[in-house]
Amino acid sequence: MKKLSLLLSGILLLLFVSACTSVKRFKSATYKSQDNTLVDMDLFGSRLTMEGTELSDRNLWELSASAQTQLIQILNERYPDNGQFIRSLNNEYLSRADVAAFDLTEKKLRMVFTISKKRDYKILNHASGRFSPADRIEYLKFSLEIPEKYNLQFKEWNRYATEYGEIEIADMSFSRSFDLDVDGSWATKSDVCGKSSFSRSEAQEVRSRYLKLNGSISDHKIGVEEEGTREIDLTGNVIADVSLEFKGFPERLTIPLYTGESKDGTGGATVAALRFVDVLVPRMKDAPDTIHAVLQLDYIYRHVQSGWKTYQEWDDQVEYYSGTVKKEIALFTKRDYIPNFYGIGTEIGGKTMMKVRRGTGTDYLLQFKDYPDASRFLEWLRSISEDGSISGERRNSGLGVPVMIGKNLLLVNGEPVNMEQLVKTELKVIPLY
């Protein structure tokens, strides 16, 4: 009987110790309902940049061997004088080999997602209120989806590796000691003999691993998943760097090859030849002014109904709410992703852009990679219209001479451009898109 009493006393002691431990997630937990008003999410900011190498100028010595040979032959014919020929070798050009595969359809996008929860202190003491200072977002999963109609898809991003976090819950130590009389009863302080002692010690660390950040990506959708734990609220910012790819359309850029000094010694730059470089740009047909995406957030909200006056969570009575937030957001505008190409033309009576007809008889829009290139070419056109010369050579036949650069003919409204048109037409640099 005494042995049974001893066993029951030990069990009661163990239950008492375990009931007072703080190594618990909560005191009690129940799922209440769905509430879509407890958490909100927005795209705080996004920045779109171009991938790859910028179109850049090169001098003769940075060109390929074949390009050097061709250019030296052109310059030798253009500048028979040794001094002018040597000075022309250091001019800046653009290597077709460097930009033949130039692709403007790939963009980099940095997005900052902001997650916040509603903090309404006016309902703090209301029994039916769903807010307390100890509340936190325990789990969330959000996605960003781009509609297929935009001809745009995700290519890659920086969230391939799953991130885990680890927290230390407690250092637990157990030590038990029993003193028994020989007859099985509890020993008292007055006992001096006929007594046995039993003891046991145990120590262990309690840790918890949780999902800090996980993600997935497909052609039109990215997803991010987060898991919170004690004292870790998921309110805050999540940064995602993604690469986007538009469906492409080929365009042809004009690259003038300038020489530093004219043949007659006036010192003005002249155009020795034109090069043409094919680049791939986002498809401009039906390009929207703003590209929108669908942002969706699913979350689990941990509301502390009672016990929130203490910092520890093991004495909390917890109520869980689930919720969903779905909205359409603006990613970027047309100005952010279209190329900054420029042409030369006039806007009198409607926009009319200059074209170039190659020796093969094919017409192309005369377009340049940026404003400085187009502006420099326009300055050269104005200079030849003032002195009646092309590439530094005086034309005795006057203003009716068509403007030819090598085998390339400049056109306006399908007609060859001559000196008279350059004088009378108010040409200017115009953005193409």
Protein backbone atom coordinates (compact mmCIF):
# COMPACT_ATOMS: atom_id res chain seq x y z
CA MET A 1 0.00 0.00 0.00
CA LYS A 2 2.82 2.34 0.87
CA LYS A 3 4.49 1.51 -2.45
CA LEU A 4 1.30 2.49 -4.28
CA SER A 5 1.16 5.72 -2.31
CA LEU A 6 4.75 6.44 -3.28
CA LEU A 7 4.00 5.82 -6.97
CA LEU A 8 0.95 8.10 -6.94
CA SER A 9 2.93 10.83 -5.19
CA GLY A 10 5.61 10.66 -7.87
CA ILE A 11 3.06 10.84 -10.69
CA LEU A 12 1.35 13.87 -9.11
CA LEU A 13 4.71 15.55 -8.66
CA LEU A 14 5.61 14.95 -12.29
CA LEU A 15 2.28 16.33 -13.51
CA PHE A 16 2.70 19.41 -11.37
CA VAL A 17 6.16 20.10 -12.75
CA SER A 18 5.12 19.55 -16.37
CA ALA A 19 2.01 21.72 -15.99
CA CYS A 20 4.16 24.67 -14.92
CA THR A 21 6.70 24.39 -17.75
CA SER A 22 7.08 27.24 -20.27
CA VAL A 23 8.13 24.90 -23.09
CA LYS A 24 4.73 25.05 -24.76
CA ARG A 25 3.40 26.81 -27.86
CA PHE A 26 0.24 28.02 -26.11
CA LYS A 27 -2.20 27.24 -23.33
CA SER A 28 -5.04 26.49 -25.74
CA ALA A 29 -5.74 27.03 -29.43
CA THR A 30 -8.88 27.09 -31.60
CA TYR A 31 -9.67 28.04 -35.18
CA LYS A 32 -12.31 30.76 -35.31
CA SER A 33 -13.13 31.82 -38.87
CA GLN A 34 -11.94 33.57 -42.01
CA ASP A 35 -11.25 37.29 -41.80
CA ASN A 36 -9.75 39.12 -44.80
CA THR A 37 -9.30 42.44 -42.99
CA LEU A 38 -6.53 41.59 -40.54
CA VAL A 39 -3.52 41.74 -42.90
CA ASP A 40 -2.70 43.81 -45.98
CA MET A 41 -0.01 43.68 -48.64
CA ASP A 42 1.30 46.09 -51.27
CA LEU A 43 4.09 46.43 -53.77
CA PHE A 44 6.05 49.17 -52.06
CA GLY A 45 8.37 49.80 -54.98
CA SER A 46 9.73 48.31 -58.18
CA ARG A 47 12.67 49.26 -60.36
CA LEU A 48 13.18 48.03 -63.91
CA THR A 49 16.66 47.96 -65.47
CA MET A 50 18.14 46.50 -68.62
CA GLU A 51 20.15 43.30 -68.61
CA GLY A 52 23.27 42.74 -70.61
CA THR A 53 25.93 45.10 -71.91
CA GLU A 54 25.10 48.59 -73.07
CA LEU A 55 25.79 49.60 -76.64
CA SER A 56 29.14 51.33 -76.38
CA ASP A 57 31.66 52.93 -78.67
CA ARG A 58 34.96 51.28 -79.61
CA ASN A 59 38.04 52.55 -81.37
CA LEU A 60 39.84 50.85 -84.23
CA TRP A 61 42.16 48.86 -81.98
CA GLU A 62 39.27 47.19 -80.13
CA LEU A 63 37.57 45.92 -83.32
CA SER A 64 37.99 42.41 -84.65
CA ALA A 65 40.77 41.72 -87.16
CA SER A 66 38.40 41.61 -90.15
CA ALA A 67 36.66 44.82 -89.05
CA GLN A 68 40.02 46.56 -88.67
CA THR A 69 41.05 45.54 -92.19
CA GLN A 70 37.82 46.79 -93.77
CA LEU A 71 37.88 50.08 -91.89
CA ILE A 72 41.54 50.76 -92.68
CA GLN A 73 40.78 50.28 -96.39
CA ILE A 74 37.90 52.77 -96.16
CA LEU A 75 40.03 55.32 -94.31
CA ASN A 76 42.94 54.87 -96.72
CA GLU A 77 40.70 55.72 -99.67
CA ARG A 78 39.15 58.61 -97.81
CA TYR A 79 42.42 60.08 -96.46
CA PRO A 80 45.38 59.64 -98.80
CA ASP A 81 47.30 62.21 -96.74
CA ASN A 82 49.41 60.42 -94.08
CA GLY A 83 48.69 62.86 -91.27
CA GLN A 84 44.92 62.78 -91.74
CA PHE A 85 44.98 58.99 -92.10
CA ILE A 86 46.86 58.47 -88.82
CA ARG A 87 44.52 60.84 -86.93
CA SER A 88 41.48 59.00 -88.26
CA LEU A 89 42.68 55.72 -86.76
CA ASN A 90 41.91 56.89 -83.23
CA ASN A 91 38.28 57.82 -83.90
CA GLU A 92 35.50 55.95 -82.10
CA TYR A 93 33.46 53.30 -83.90
CA LEU A 94 31.09 50.50 -82.95
CA SER A 95 31.99 46.86 -83.44
CA ARG A 96 29.21 44.92 -85.15
CA ALA A 97 30.58 41.71 -83.61
CA ASP A 98 30.06 43.19 -80.14
CA VAL A 99 26.40 44.07 -80.68
CA ALA A 100 25.16 41.63 -83.32
CA ALA A 101 23.43 39.58 -80.63
CA PHE A 102 22.35 42.57 -78.52
CA ASP A 103 19.05 41.83 -76.84
CA LEU A 104 16.81 44.50 -75.30
CA THR A 105 14.00 42.10 -74.42
CA GLU A 106 15.50 41.03 -71.08
CA LYS A 107 14.94 43.28 -68.08
CA LYS A 108 15.78 43.10 -64.40
CA LEU A 109 13.05 43.97 -61.90
CA ARG A 110 13.55 44.59 -58.18
CA MET A 111 10.31 44.39 -56.20
CA VAL A 112 9.76 45.27 -52.54
CA PHE A 113 6.64 43.65 -51.07
CA THR A 114 5.29 45.16 -47.84
CA ILE A 115 3.22 43.05 -45.40
CA SER A 116 1.38 44.82 -42.58
CA LYS A 117 -1.27 43.92 -40.04
CA LYS A 118 -4.11 46.04 -38.71
CA ARG A 119 -3.42 47.65 -35.34
CA ASP A 120 -6.68 48.95 -33.88
CA TYR A 121 -6.07 49.86 -30.22
CA LYS A 122 -9.65 51.13 -29.86
CA ILE A 123 -10.91 47.54 -29.58
CA LEU A 124 -8.15 46.37 -27.23
CA ASN A 125 -10.46 45.60 -24.29
CA HIS A 126 -13.48 44.48 -26.31
CA ALA A 127 -14.33 40.85 -25.77
CA SER A 128 -15.21 40.42 -29.44
CA GLY A 129 -12.16 42.36 -30.66
CA ARG A 130 -9.58 40.67 -32.87
CA PHE A 131 -6.55 42.63 -31.77
CA SER A 132 -4.07 42.43 -28.93
CA PRO A 133 -0.42 43.56 -28.66
CA ALA A 134 0.67 39.91 -28.69
CA ASP A 135 -0.94 39.13 -32.05
CA ARG A 136 1.26 38.14 -34.96
CA ILE A 137 1.11 36.79 -38.49
CA GLU A 138 2.09 33.15 -38.13
CA TYR A 139 2.09 32.05 -41.76
CA LEU A 140 1.76 33.65 -45.17
CA LYS A 141 2.04 32.71 -48.80
CA PHE A 142 1.84 35.27 -51.56
CA SER A 143 2.15 35.22 -55.33
CA LEU A 144 2.54 37.68 -58.19
CA GLU A 145 1.05 36.67 -61.54
CA ILE A 146 1.47 38.44 -64.88
CA PRO A 147 -1.39 37.88 -67.36
CA GLU A 148 -0.34 36.10 -70.55
CA LYS A 149 -1.78 38.88 -72.73
CA TYR A 150 1.29 41.04 -72.05
CA ASN A 151 3.71 38.70 -73.91
CA LEU A 152 5.96 38.87 -70.86
CA GLN A 153 7.32 36.07 -68.69
CA PHE A 154 9.59 35.47 -65.74
CA LYS A 155 13.02 34.12 -66.61
CA GLU A 156 14.88 33.68 -63.30
CA TRP A 157 15.17 35.15 -59.81
CA ASN A 158 17.19 35.14 -56.58
CA ARG A 159 14.96 32.86 -54.45
CA TYR A 160 15.99 29.36 -55.51
CA ALA A 161 17.40 28.30 -52.12
CA THR A 162 15.04 27.68 -49.20
CA GLU A 163 16.02 29.61 -46.08
CA TYR A 164 15.46 28.08 -42.65
CA GLY A 165 15.70 29.71 -39.26
CA GLU A 166 16.36 28.13 -35.89
CA ILE A 167 15.50 29.35 -32.42
CA GLU A 168 16.45 28.03 -29.02
CA ILE A 169 13.33 27.30 -26.98
CA ALA A 170 14.88 26.32 -23.65
CA ASP A 171 17.62 24.52 -21.80
CA MET A 172 15.84 21.80 -19.83
CA SER A 173 17.40 20.09 -16.85
CA PHE A 174 15.80 17.35 -14.75
CA SER A 175 17.09 16.22 -11.36
CA ARG A 176 15.20 13.76 -9.19
CA SER A 177 16.18 12.46 -5.75
CA PHE A 178 14.24 10.10 -3.48
CA ASP A 179 14.99 9.12 0.09
CA LEU A 180 13.11 6.04 1.27
CA ASP A 181 12.93 4.16 4.55
CA VAL A 182 13.54 0.47 4.44
CA ASP A 183 9.80 -0.06 4.83
CA GLY A 184 9.01 2.04 1.70
CA SER A 185 7.75 5.19 3.51
CA TRP A 186 9.10 8.73 2.91
CA ALA A 187 12.12 9.57 4.99
CA THR A 188 11.98 12.45 7.47
CA LYS A 189 14.70 14.80 8.66
CA SER A 190 14.90 12.90 11.98
CA ASP A 191 15.76 9.66 10.25
CA VAL A 192 19.41 8.80 10.70
CA CYS A 193 19.56 5.22 9.56
CA GLY A 194 17.72 2.54 7.62
CA LYS A 195 17.40 4.85 4.61
CA SER A 196 18.16 4.53 0.83
CA SER A 197 18.78 7.38 -1.66
CA PHE A 198 18.05 7.38 -5.43
CA SER A 199 18.84 10.25 -7.81
CA ARG A 200 18.73 10.93 -11.58
CA SER A 201 19.84 13.97 -13.60
CA GLU A 202 19.10 14.82 -17.27
CA ALA A 203 19.86 17.95 -19.38
CA GLN A 204 18.84 18.75 -22.95
CA GLU A 205 18.45 21.72 -25.30
CA VAL A 206 15.12 22.30 -27.02
CA ARG A 207 15.39 23.97 -30.45
CA SER A 208 12.87 24.67 -33.19
CA ARG A 209 13.46 24.97 -36.93
CA TYR A 210 11.05 27.02 -39.01
CA LEU A 211 10.63 28.02 -42.65
CA LYS A 212 12.12 31.47 -42.99
CA LEU A 213 11.65 31.90 -46.74
CA ASN A 214 10.75 29.64 -49.63
CA GLY A 215 9.79 30.40 -53.22
CA SER A 216 8.72 29.07 -56.59
CA ILE A 217 8.80 30.48 -60.11
CA SER A 218 7.09 29.68 -63.42
CA ASP A 219 6.70 31.51 -66.72
CA HIS A 220 3.99 33.86 -65.48
CA LYS A 221 3.97 33.50 -61.70
CA ILE A 222 6.26 33.72 -58.69
CA GLY A 223 5.36 32.60 -55.16
CA VAL A 224 6.90 33.20 -51.72
CA GLU A 225 6.15 31.32 -48.49
CA GLU A 226 7.07 32.33 -44.92
CA GLU A 227 6.51 30.77 -41.51
CA GLY A 228 6.70 32.57 -38.17
CA THR A 229 7.36 31.26 -34.70
CA ARG A 230 7.35 32.56 -31.14
CA GLU A 231 8.15 36.29 -31.03
CA ILE A 232 8.73 36.34 -34.81
CA ASP A 233 6.04 38.31 -36.63
CA LEU A 234 5.94 38.23 -40.43
CA THR A 235 5.15 41.94 -40.74
CA GLY A 236 7.81 43.64 -42.88
CA ASN A 237 9.35 43.76 -46.35
CA VAL A 238 10.33 41.00 -48.75
CA ILE A 239 12.69 41.87 -51.62
CA ALA A 240 12.68 39.83 -54.83
CA ASP A 241 15.04 40.36 -57.79
CA VAL A 242 13.64 38.79 -60.96
CA SER A 243 14.59 38.72 -64.63
CA LEU A 244 11.83 39.31 -67.16
CA GLU A 245 11.75 38.56 -70.85
CA PHE A 246 9.47 40.17 -73.43
CA LYS A 247 8.57 38.59 -76.72
CA GLY A 248 10.96 40.18 -79.16
CA PHE A 249 10.83 42.01 -82.47
CA PRO A 250 13.93 42.78 -84.58
CA GLU A 251 14.91 46.38 -85.25
CA ARG A 252 17.84 47.78 -87.23
CA LEU A 253 19.98 50.58 -85.80
CA THR A 254 22.14 52.93 -87.85
CA ILE A 255 25.74 53.40 -86.73
CA PRO A 256 27.53 56.29 -88.49
CA LEU A 257 31.32 56.00 -88.81
CA TYR A 258 32.79 59.46 -88.31
CA THR A 259 36.19 60.78 -89.27
CA GLY A 260 37.73 63.45 -87.14
CA GLU A 261 38.73 65.95 -89.82
CA SER A 262 37.40 66.86 -93.26
CA LYS A 263 39.55 66.58 -96.37
CA ASP A 264 39.63 70.34 -97.05
CA GLY A 265 41.08 70.98 -93.55
CA THR A 266 38.08 72.79 -92.06
CA GLY A 267 38.23 70.49 -89.03
CA GLY A 268 34.58 69.40 -89.14
CA ALA A 269 33.64 65.74 -88.57
CA THR A 270 32.38 63.86 -91.62
CA VAL A 271 30.54 60.56 -92.08
CA ALA A 272 32.69 58.02 -93.90
CA ALA A 273 30.17 55.17 -93.90
CA LEU A 274 27.04 53.77 -92.28
CA ARG A 275 26.81 50.49 -90.44
CA PHE A 276 23.62 48.70 -89.52
CA VAL A 277 23.16 46.59 -86.39
CA ASP A 278 20.18 44.31 -85.73
CA VAL A 279 18.87 44.32 -82.15
CA LEU A 280 15.94 42.54 -80.54
CA VAL A 281 13.46 44.84 -78.77
CA PRO A 282 10.16 44.22 -76.91
CA ARG A 283 7.27 43.84 -79.31
CA MET A 284 5.81 47.32 -79.69
CA LYS A 285 2.51 46.36 -81.34
CA ASP A 286 -0.37 46.98 -78.93
CA ALA A 287 2.09 47.75 -76.12
CA PRO A 288 0.04 48.81 -73.06
CA ASP A 289 0.71 52.09 -71.28
CA THR A 290 0.92 50.22 -67.95
CA ILE A 291 1.61 46.55 -67.25
CA HIS A 292 -0.46 45.23 -64.34
CA ALA A 293 -0.07 42.06 -62.29
CA VAL A 294 -2.27 40.19 -59.81
CA LEU A 295 -0.99 40.06 -56.23
CA GLN A 296 -2.55 37.46 -53.91
CA LEU A 297 -1.81 36.84 -50.24
CA ASP A 298 -3.02 33.94 -48.08
CA TYR A 299 -2.26 34.18 -44.35
CA ILE A 300 -2.84 32.69 -40.91
CA TYR A 301 -3.33 35.26 -38.15
CA ARG A 302 -2.57 34.30 -34.54
CA HIS A 303 -4.81 36.27 -32.17
CA VAL A 304 -4.19 36.09 -28.40
CA GLN A 305 -7.54 36.14 -26.67
CA SER A 306 -6.06 36.08 -23.15
CA GLY A 307 -2.61 35.93 -21.66
CA TRP A 308 -1.24 38.77 -23.78
CA LYS A 309 -0.18 40.77 -20.70
CA THR A 310 2.86 38.49 -20.33
CA TYR A 311 5.69 38.30 -22.87
CA GLN A 312 5.89 34.54 -22.94
CA GLU A 313 3.46 32.65 -25.16
CA TRP A 314 3.00 29.43 -23.24
CA ASP A 315 0.13 30.88 -21.17
CA ASP A 316 -1.79 32.35 -24.16
CA GLN A 317 -5.25 31.30 -25.21
CA VAL A 318 -4.88 31.50 -28.98
CA GLU A 319 -7.47 31.95 -31.73
CA TYR A 320 -6.50 31.44 -35.37
CA TYR A 321 -7.98 33.31 -38.34
CA SER A 322 -7.30 32.69 -42.00
CA GLY A 323 -7.56 35.34 -44.68
CA THR A 324 -6.94 36.21 -48.33
CA VAL A 325 -6.01 39.50 -49.99
CA LYS A 326 -6.14 39.81 -53.77
CA LYS A 327 -5.56 42.97 -55.79
CA GLU A 328 -4.31 44.25 -59.13
CA ILE A 329 -1.15 46.35 -58.98
CA ALA A 330 0.89 48.33 -61.51
CA LEU A 331 4.34 46.88 -62.21
CA PHE A 332 5.77 49.48 -64.60
CA THR A 333 4.78 51.80 -67.43
CA LYS A 334 5.51 51.78 -71.13
CA ARG A 335 8.25 54.35 -70.63
CA ASP A 336 10.12 51.89 -68.39
CA TYR A 337 10.54 49.08 -70.90
CA ILE A 338 10.48 50.50 -74.43
CA PRO A 339 13.89 51.29 -75.98
CA ASN A 340 15.03 54.89 -76.20
CA PHE A 341 15.64 54.95 -79.94
CA TYR A 342 15.65 58.24 -81.84
CA GLY A 343 15.23 59.20 -85.47
CA ILE A 344 15.42 62.34 -87.60
CA GLY A 345 12.36 63.87 -89.18
CA THR A 346 9.75 66.58 -89.07
CA GLU A 347 6.40 66.94 -87.30
CA ILE A 348 4.97 69.60 -89.59
CA GLY A 349 1.72 68.25 -91.01
CA GLY A 350 2.22 64.97 -89.14
CA LYS A 351 5.25 62.97 -88.16
CA THR A 352 7.54 62.11 -91.07
CA MET A 353 10.70 60.14 -90.35
CA MET A 354 13.83 59.88 -92.47
CA LYS A 355 14.73 56.51 -93.96
CA VAL A 356 17.80 55.05 -95.61
CA ARG A 357 17.87 52.95 -98.79
CA ARG A 358 20.72 50.51 -98.97
CA GLY A 359 22.49 49.43 -102.14
CA THR A 360 20.24 46.36 -102.29
CA GLY A 361 17.18 48.61 -102.71
CA THR A 362 15.76 47.86 -99.24
CA ASP A 363 14.47 50.79 -97.17
CA TYR A 364 15.01 50.98 -93.40
CA LEU A 365 13.98 53.51 -90.83
CA LEU A 366 16.93 55.72 -89.94
CA GLN A 367 17.10 55.15 -86.18
CA PHE A 368 19.85 55.61 -83.62
CA LYS A 369 20.59 53.95 -80.29
CA ASP A 370 20.27 57.20 -78.30
CA TYR A 371 19.73 60.93 -78.54
CA PRO A 372 23.43 61.95 -78.78
CA ASP A 373 23.95 59.70 -81.83
CA ALA A 374 20.90 61.11 -83.62
CA SER A 375 21.82 64.69 -82.69
CA ARG A 376 25.37 64.31 -83.97
CA PHE A 377 24.15 62.93 -87.29
CA LEU A 378 21.66 65.80 -87.65
CA GLU A 379 24.45 68.32 -87.03
CA TRP A 380 26.41 66.71 -89.86
CA LEU A 381 23.39 66.99 -92.18
CA ARG A 382 23.05 70.67 -91.36
CA SER A 383 26.74 71.24 -91.96
CA ILE A 384 26.65 69.73 -95.45
CA SER A 385 23.52 71.71 -96.31
CA GLU A 386 25.34 74.93 -95.42
CA ASP A 387 28.43 74.35 -97.57
CA GLY A 388 26.90 72.11 -100.25
CA SER A 389 29.30 69.26 -99.63
CA ILE A 390 28.96 65.61 -98.67
CA SER A 391 31.72 63.85 -96.76
CA GLY A 392 33.87 66.93 -97.19
CA GLU A 393 33.69 66.93 -101.02
CA ARG A 394 32.24 70.01 -102.76
CA ARG A 395 29.34 69.22 -105.11
CA ASN A 396 29.44 71.54 -108.12
CA SER A 397 25.96 70.56 -109.24
CA GLY A 398 24.36 72.51 -106.35
CA LEU A 399 21.44 71.84 -104.06
CA GLY A 400 19.76 69.16 -106.17
CA VAL A 401 22.36 66.49 -105.39
CA PRO A 402 20.91 63.55 -103.42
CA VAL A 403 22.58 62.81 -100.10
CA MET A 404 24.54 59.58 -100.55
CA ILE A 405 26.73 57.97 -97.90
CA GLY A 406 28.65 55.27 -99.66
CA LYS A 407 25.91 53.22 -101.36
CA ASN A 408 23.25 54.39 -98.92
CA LEU A 409 20.64 56.96 -99.96
CA LEU A 410 18.67 59.09 -97.48
CA LEU A 411 14.90 59.35 -98.05
CA VAL A 412 11.99 61.48 -96.84
CA ASN A 413 8.45 60.46 -97.85
CA GLY A 414 10.01 57.87 -100.15
CA GLU A 415 11.95 60.50 -102.11
CA PRO A 416 15.73 61.01 -102.06
CA VAL A 417 16.89 63.80 -99.80
CA ASN A 418 18.89 66.52 -101.56
CA MET A 419 20.64 69.68 -100.42
CA GLU A 420 17.62 71.86 -101.12
CA GLN A 421 15.39 69.73 -98.92
CA LEU A 422 17.94 69.87 -96.11
CA VAL A 423 17.88 73.66 -96.30
CA LYS A 424 14.09 74.04 -96.45
CA THR A 425 12.95 71.17 -94.17
CA GLU A 426 12.94 71.81 -90.45
CA LEU A 427 14.51 68.56 -89.34
CA LYS A 428 14.87 67.63 -85.69
CA VAL A 429 15.60 64.64 -83.47
CA ILE A 430 12.36 62.75 -82.62
CA PRO A 431 11.87 59.79 -80.24
CA LEU A 432 10.56 56.78 -82.12
CA TYR A 433 8.42 55.31 -79.30
